[in-house]
């Protein structure tokens, strides 16, 4: 990319802040939308211009004016039953894209997710032609799918929007999946689901940043591209390797998939029946994300974007181990 002024929503989130630092390091001007003064101070320290606001309520047109490119990374990640993720992710995307059009932003990349295809059944090497399920796994899946529809309608109307779908984003300073896994192991609550031997695609956050670069340069308007680290690994091998970078082992405890499926359904039902007073240990959205094979066919991204991973699985793990060692030294 030639030098640009890039606007990033969700700039303090895991994906957003990695994109922000990526583009600052590459010499671009970056403006980041955040929701707190503390987050604003942090991204200013990284060399970006912070804007405090909310994608659902803030007038974004004035703060987007003068920017050439937008990465819409903001989203509610709530996987809970009855969550507001469906409304937030759909309405937020609509407002962000309308603002970008009014502000004259030339190009937009929407960060989506494989969750748009989840309904609790395996997704085996699925490509971008796979239809949305008639019964999405939960509010998060439903909201992100509607966000994609909104983006594709905007593209059909002439707005330059490209959609990326990564799976299980991981890597440096992960504040999403890895902390949840480590807490579950340390508390003794972790168990494999039917042994965990089903396949799982992953996407290192550095590979996602690279894919965003390529989407700006080569993505076709209105198109969706699956992004991953390449060949999948078993869920067990994936999680075991991630935990090992933190000095942890998951053990061998395993629970049958059918039992977890039933618990997730019952938990969601209780949540709805009790007006959110009771909820199970995991939602059906959680089940759909982690209990079955989810592997992505990335050949379209390879063919049209020229995508291939720039961070290998081994290098990403080494980076995580080094980060853990550095953290321990600082604490000592």
Protein backbone atom coordinates (compact mmCIF):
# COMPACT_ATOMS: atom_id res chain seq x y z
CA UNK A 1 0.00 0.00 0.00
CA UNK A 2 1.15 3.54 -0.72
CA UNK A 3 0.95 5.87 2.27
CA UNK A 4 -2.65 6.30 3.41
CA UNK A 5 -4.71 7.62 6.28
CA UNK A 6 -6.48 4.56 7.70
CA UNK A 7 -9.44 4.53 10.08
CA UNK A 8 -9.85 1.49 12.34
CA UNK A 9 -12.95 0.76 14.40
CA UNK A 10 -12.45 -1.38 17.50
CA UNK A 11 -8.87 -0.11 17.61
CA UNK A 12 -8.32 -1.22 21.22
CA UNK A 13 -9.57 -4.77 20.60
CA UNK A 14 -7.28 -7.68 19.87
CA UNK A 15 -7.48 -7.55 16.07
CA UNK A 16 -7.87 -3.76 15.98
CA UNK A 17 -4.78 -2.93 17.99
CA UNK A 18 -2.63 -5.34 16.01
CA UNK A 19 -3.83 -3.74 12.78
CA UNK A 20 -3.19 -0.30 14.25
CA UNK A 21 0.40 -1.12 15.19
CA UNK A 22 0.91 -2.85 11.84
CA UNK A 23 -0.08 0.23 9.87
CA UNK A 24 1.72 2.70 12.12
CA UNK A 25 4.90 0.63 11.73
CA UNK A 26 4.42 0.68 7.94
CA UNK A 27 4.36 4.48 7.96
CA UNK A 28 0.64 5.12 7.51
CA UNK A 29 -1.41 7.67 9.38
CA UNK A 30 -3.92 5.85 11.56
CA UNK A 31 -7.02 7.01 13.40
CA UNK A 32 -8.54 4.55 15.86
CA UNK A 33 -12.07 4.54 17.27
CA UNK A 34 -12.07 3.48 20.94
CA UNK A 35 -14.60 3.64 23.78
CA UNK A 36 -12.57 4.89 26.74
CA UNK A 37 -9.96 7.48 27.69
CA UNK A 38 -7.64 4.72 28.88
CA UNK A 39 -7.77 3.01 25.48
CA UNK A 40 -7.24 6.35 23.77
CA UNK A 41 -4.06 6.93 25.77
CA UNK A 42 -2.76 3.52 24.80
CA UNK A 43 -3.24 3.86 21.06
CA UNK A 44 -1.83 7.38 21.15
CA UNK A 45 1.29 5.87 22.72
CA UNK A 46 1.49 3.52 19.74
CA UNK A 47 1.52 6.49 17.37
CA UNK A 48 -2.10 6.68 16.22
CA UNK A 49 -4.73 9.39 16.62
CA UNK A 50 -7.48 8.25 18.99
CA UNK A 51 -11.15 9.12 18.68
CA UNK A 52 -13.39 8.26 21.62
CA UNK A 53 -16.85 7.16 20.57
CA UNK A 54 -19.27 4.32 19.95
CA UNK A 55 -20.19 2.90 16.56
CA UNK A 56 -23.86 2.78 17.61
CA UNK A 57 -24.25 6.38 18.78
CA UNK A 58 -21.36 8.62 17.67
CA UNK A 59 -21.57 10.75 14.53
CA UNK A 60 -18.67 9.12 12.69
CA UNK A 61 -18.78 11.14 9.48
CA UNK A 62 -16.70 14.10 10.77
CA UNK A 63 -14.01 11.88 12.28
CA UNK A 64 -13.77 9.73 9.13
CA UNK A 65 -13.41 12.64 6.73
CA UNK A 66 -9.96 12.80 5.20
CA UNK A 67 -9.27 9.08 5.59
CA UNK A 68 -8.79 6.92 2.51
CA UNK A 69 -9.29 3.44 3.97
CA UNK A 70 -11.37 1.84 6.72
CA UNK A 71 -10.97 -1.42 8.60
CA UNK A 72 -14.16 -2.25 10.47
CA UNK A 73 -12.92 -4.49 13.29
CA UNK A 74 -15.32 -3.40 16.05
CA UNK A 75 -17.76 -6.05 17.22
CA UNK A 76 -19.50 -7.46 20.24
CA UNK A 77 -17.84 -10.82 20.94
CA UNK A 78 -20.50 -11.91 23.44
CA UNK A 79 -21.27 -15.60 22.86
CA UNK A 80 -23.85 -15.77 25.62
CA UNK A 81 -27.46 -16.79 25.04
CA UNK A 82 -29.77 -13.83 24.59
CA UNK A 83 -26.81 -11.52 24.03
CA UNK A 84 -27.11 -8.20 22.23
CA UNK A 85 -24.39 -9.26 19.78
CA UNK A 86 -26.88 -9.72 16.94
CA UNK A 87 -28.21 -6.18 17.16
CA UNK A 88 -24.88 -4.53 17.95
CA UNK A 89 -22.92 -6.18 15.16
CA UNK A 90 -25.55 -5.65 12.49
CA UNK A 91 -26.54 -2.09 13.41
CA UNK A 92 -22.94 -1.08 14.12
CA UNK A 93 -21.83 -2.27 10.70
CA UNK A 94 -24.69 -0.45 8.99
CA UNK A 95 -23.81 2.83 10.73
CA UNK A 96 -20.08 2.49 10.10
CA UNK A 97 -20.52 1.79 6.39
CA UNK A 98 -23.06 4.59 5.93
CA UNK A 99 -20.65 6.98 7.65
CA UNK A 100 -17.76 5.84 5.49
CA UNK A 101 -19.78 6.42 2.33
CA UNK A 102 -20.83 9.89 3.47
CA UNK A 103 -17.24 10.75 4.46
CA UNK A 104 -15.88 9.70 1.08
CA UNK A 105 -13.76 6.78 2.34
CA UNK A 106 -12.52 4.98 -0.78
CA UNK A 107 -11.99 1.42 0.49
CA UNK A 108 -13.31 -0.68 3.38
CA UNK A 109 -12.34 -4.08 4.74
CA UNK A 110 -14.85 -5.76 7.06
CA UNK A 111 -13.38 -8.24 9.54
CA UNK A 112 -15.93 -11.04 9.74
CA UNK A 113 -15.66 -14.59 11.10
CA UNK A 114 -16.30 -18.24 10.31
CA UNK A 115 -19.05 -17.99 12.96
CA UNK A 116 -21.43 -16.71 10.27
CA UNK A 117 -21.62 -20.33 9.03
CA UNK A 118 -21.95 -22.02 12.41
CA UNK A 119 -25.05 -23.93 13.46
CA UNK A 120 -23.42 -26.62 15.60
CA UNK A 121 -22.64 -29.01 12.77
CA UNK A 122 -19.12 -29.62 11.40
CA UNK A 123 -17.84 -27.27 8.70
CA UNK A 124 -15.31 -29.27 6.69
CA UNK A 125 -13.08 -27.32 4.28
CA UNK A 126 -15.91 -24.91 3.53
CA UNK A 127 -15.52 -22.22 0.89
CA UNK A 128 -17.17 -18.82 0.42
CA UNK A 129 -20.15 -20.27 -1.48
CA UNK A 130 -21.37 -22.10 1.64
CA UNK A 131 -24.82 -20.70 2.52
CA UNK A 132 -25.66 -19.12 5.83
CA UNK A 133 -27.44 -21.62 8.11
CA UNK A 134 -31.18 -21.33 8.56
CA UNK A 135 -30.68 -21.58 12.35
CA UNK A 136 -27.44 -19.85 13.38
CA UNK A 137 -25.70 -21.06 16.51
CA UNK A 138 -26.42 -17.89 18.46
CA UNK A 139 -26.68 -14.13 18.49
CA UNK A 140 -23.04 -13.67 17.59
CA UNK A 141 -23.35 -15.84 14.47
CA UNK A 142 -26.61 -14.17 13.48
CA UNK A 143 -25.30 -10.64 13.96
CA UNK A 144 -22.07 -11.16 12.06
CA UNK A 145 -23.95 -12.83 9.20
CA UNK A 146 -26.30 -9.86 8.99
CA UNK A 147 -23.27 -7.55 9.04
CA UNK A 148 -21.96 -9.38 5.98
CA UNK A 149 -25.30 -9.00 4.22
CA UNK A 150 -25.29 -5.28 4.98
CA UNK A 151 -21.75 -5.00 3.60
CA UNK A 152 -22.62 -6.87 0.43
CA UNK A 153 -25.67 -4.71 -0.15
CA UNK A 154 -23.47 -1.62 0.27
CA UNK A 155 -21.03 -3.09 -2.25
CA UNK A 156 -23.84 -3.81 -4.70
CA UNK A 157 -24.80 -0.14 -4.41
CA UNK A 158 -21.27 0.89 -5.39
CA UNK A 159 -19.34 1.10 -2.11
CA UNK A 160 -15.92 -0.57 -2.21
CA UNK A 161 -16.23 -3.13 0.59
CA UNK A 162 -14.30 -6.41 0.91
CA UNK A 163 -15.02 -9.04 3.58
CA UNK A 164 -12.43 -11.26 5.30
CA UNK A 165 -13.37 -14.36 7.31
CA UNK A 166 -10.58 -15.60 9.59
CA UNK A 167 -10.95 -18.57 11.93
CA UNK A 168 -9.67 -18.68 15.55
CA UNK A 169 -7.39 -15.64 15.51
CA UNK A 170 -4.38 -16.13 17.80
CA UNK A 171 -0.89 -14.81 18.45
CA UNK A 172 0.91 -12.05 20.29
CA UNK A 173 -0.89 -10.33 23.20
CA UNK A 174 -4.02 -12.45 22.73
CA UNK A 175 -6.83 -11.19 24.97
CA UNK A 176 -9.54 -13.44 23.52
CA UNK A 177 -9.20 -17.24 23.31
CA UNK A 178 -5.89 -17.89 25.08
CA UNK A 179 -6.82 -16.23 28.40
CA UNK A 180 -10.05 -18.25 28.50
CA UNK A 181 -8.16 -21.49 27.88
CA UNK A 182 -5.48 -20.75 30.48
CA UNK A 183 -8.06 -19.81 33.11
CA UNK A 184 -10.01 -23.02 32.46
CA UNK A 185 -6.87 -25.15 32.86
CA UNK A 186 -5.70 -23.36 36.01
CA UNK A 187 -9.13 -23.67 37.61
CA UNK A 188 -9.37 -27.38 36.78
CA UNK A 189 -12.45 -26.90 34.59
CA UNK A 190 -10.86 -27.76 31.25
CA UNK A 191 -11.89 -30.93 29.42
CA UNK A 192 -11.57 -32.05 25.83
CA UNK A 193 -14.77 -32.60 23.90
CA UNK A 194 -14.77 -36.20 22.64
CA UNK A 195 -10.98 -36.17 22.80
CA UNK A 196 -10.56 -33.01 20.74
CA UNK A 197 -9.23 -34.87 17.70
CA UNK A 198 -11.39 -33.04 15.11
CA UNK A 199 -9.65 -30.62 12.73
CA UNK A 200 -9.46 -26.87 13.29
CA UNK A 201 -8.28 -23.98 11.09
CA UNK A 202 -6.50 -21.08 12.78
CA UNK A 203 -5.34 -17.59 11.75
CA UNK A 204 -2.33 -15.89 13.28
CA UNK A 205 -3.07 -12.21 13.79
CA UNK A 206 -0.02 -11.33 11.67
CA UNK A 207 -1.47 -13.33 8.79
CA UNK A 208 -4.76 -11.49 9.20
CA UNK A 209 -2.95 -8.12 9.03
CA UNK A 210 -1.26 -9.32 5.83
CA UNK A 211 -4.62 -10.38 4.39
CA UNK A 212 -6.06 -6.92 5.10
CA UNK A 213 -3.18 -5.38 3.13
CA UNK A 214 -3.94 -7.67 0.21
CA UNK A 215 -7.69 -7.05 0.43
CA UNK A 216 -7.11 -3.31 0.05
CA UNK A 217 -4.88 -3.90 -2.95
CA UNK A 218 -6.53 -6.79 -4.76
CA UNK A 219 -9.91 -7.61 -3.18
CA UNK A 220 -12.94 -7.50 -5.44
CA UNK A 221 -15.82 -5.33 -4.29
CA UNK A 222 -18.46 -7.27 -2.37
CA UNK A 223 -16.43 -10.48 -2.25
CA UNK A 224 -15.75 -12.68 0.80
CA UNK A 225 -12.37 -14.31 1.39
CA UNK A 226 -11.56 -17.08 3.86
CA UNK A 227 -8.24 -16.61 5.66
CA UNK A 228 -6.24 -19.12 7.71
CA UNK A 229 -2.73 -20.30 8.54
CA UNK A 230 -2.97 -22.98 5.85
CA UNK A 231 -3.23 -26.69 6.65
CA UNK A 232 -5.44 -27.36 9.70
CA UNK A 233 -4.42 -29.23 12.83
CA UNK A 234 -6.51 -31.13 15.32
CA UNK A 235 -8.21 -29.00 17.93
CA UNK A 236 -6.30 -30.96 20.58
CA UNK A 237 -2.91 -30.31 18.99
CA UNK A 238 -3.77 -26.64 18.45
CA UNK A 239 -4.88 -25.96 22.02
CA UNK A 240 -2.10 -28.08 23.55
CA UNK A 241 0.54 -26.10 21.67
CA UNK A 242 -0.97 -22.76 22.65
CA UNK A 243 -1.18 -23.77 26.30
CA UNK A 244 2.41 -25.05 26.26
CA UNK A 245 3.62 -21.51 25.42
CA UNK A 246 2.19 -20.51 28.80
CA UNK A 247 3.80 -23.42 30.63
CA UNK A 248 0.52 -25.31 30.92
CA UNK A 249 -0.80 -28.74 29.96
CA UNK A 250 -4.45 -29.52 29.47
CA UNK A 251 -4.51 -33.06 30.78
CA UNK A 252 -6.54 -35.94 29.40
CA UNK A 253 -10.03 -35.37 30.83
CA UNK A 254 -12.64 -35.72 28.09
CA UNK A 255 -16.42 -35.29 27.92
CA UNK A 256 -18.66 -36.83 25.20
CA UNK A 257 -19.75 -34.37 22.53
CA UNK A 258 -23.40 -35.40 22.87
CA UNK A 259 -23.39 -34.53 26.56
CA UNK A 260 -21.88 -31.09 25.92
CA UNK A 261 -24.39 -30.50 23.11
CA UNK A 262 -27.25 -31.26 25.50
CA UNK A 263 -25.85 -29.07 28.29
CA UNK A 264 -25.43 -26.16 25.87
CA UNK A 265 -29.02 -26.45 24.59
CA UNK A 266 -30.44 -26.79 28.10
CA UNK A 267 -28.37 -23.84 29.32
CA UNK A 268 -29.62 -21.58 26.54
CA UNK A 269 -33.18 -22.71 27.23
CA UNK A 270 -32.88 -21.96 30.95
CA UNK A 271 -31.46 -18.54 30.16
CA UNK A 272 -34.48 -17.68 28.03
CA UNK A 273 -37.06 -19.21 30.40
CA UNK A 274 -35.67 -17.46 33.51
CA UNK A 275 -35.25 -14.07 31.87
CA UNK A 276 -31.44 -14.36 31.96
CA UNK A 277 -31.27 -15.24 35.68
CA UNK A 278 -29.79 -18.70 35.01
CA UNK A 279 -27.24 -19.74 32.41
CA UNK A 280 -25.23 -22.88 31.80
CA UNK A 281 -21.43 -23.26 31.83
CA UNK A 282 -21.33 -22.74 28.06
CA UNK A 283 -23.72 -21.45 25.42
CA UNK A 284 -24.61 -23.22 22.20
CA UNK A 285 -22.58 -20.55 20.43
CA UNK A 286 -19.55 -21.70 22.46
CA UNK A 287 -20.31 -25.30 21.55
CA UNK A 288 -20.56 -24.54 17.83
CA UNK A 289 -17.24 -22.67 17.94
CA UNK A 290 -15.16 -25.30 19.73
CA UNK A 291 -16.80 -28.76 19.68
CA UNK A 292 -16.80 -29.74 16.00
CA UNK A 293 -14.50 -29.53 13.00
CA UNK A 294 -14.27 -26.10 11.41
CA UNK A 295 -11.83 -25.91 8.51
CA UNK A 296 -11.69 -23.25 5.82
CA UNK A 297 -10.84 -23.51 2.13
CA UNK A 298 -8.60 -20.50 1.41
CA UNK A 299 -7.97 -21.12 -2.30
CA UNK A 300 -10.03 -18.09 -3.35
CA UNK A 301 -7.83 -15.80 -1.23
CA UNK A 302 -4.72 -17.48 -2.64
CA UNK A 303 -5.97 -17.07 -6.20
CA UNK A 304 -7.48 -13.57 -6.11
CA UNK A 305 -5.55 -11.81 -3.34
CA UNK A 306 -2.23 -13.61 -3.73
CA UNK A 307 -2.54 -14.63 -0.09
CA UNK A 308 -0.23 -17.03 1.68
CA UNK A 309 0.64 -17.03 5.38
CA UNK A 310 3.61 -14.84 6.33
CA UNK A 311 3.77 -16.14 9.94
CA UNK A 312 4.22 -19.88 10.32
CA UNK A 313 2.62 -21.90 13.10
CA UNK A 314 6.04 -22.58 14.61
CA UNK A 315 7.14 -18.92 14.48
CA UNK A 316 3.89 -17.80 16.06
CA UNK A 317 4.36 -20.24 18.94
CA UNK A 318 7.95 -19.10 19.43
CA UNK A 319 6.73 -15.50 19.64
CA UNK A 320 4.20 -16.49 22.30
CA UNK A 321 6.82 -18.35 24.34
CA UNK A 322 9.18 -15.38 24.19
CA UNK A 323 6.40 -13.04 25.29
CA UNK A 324 5.68 -15.30 28.27
CA UNK A 325 9.36 -15.36 29.28
CA UNK A 326 9.61 -11.56 28.98
CA UNK A 327 6.50 -11.12 31.13
CA UNK A 328 7.92 -13.35 33.86
CA UNK A 329 11.20 -11.44 33.86
CA UNK A 330 9.36 -8.14 34.22
CA UNK A 331 7.28 -9.54 37.12
CA UNK A 332 10.43 -10.76 38.90
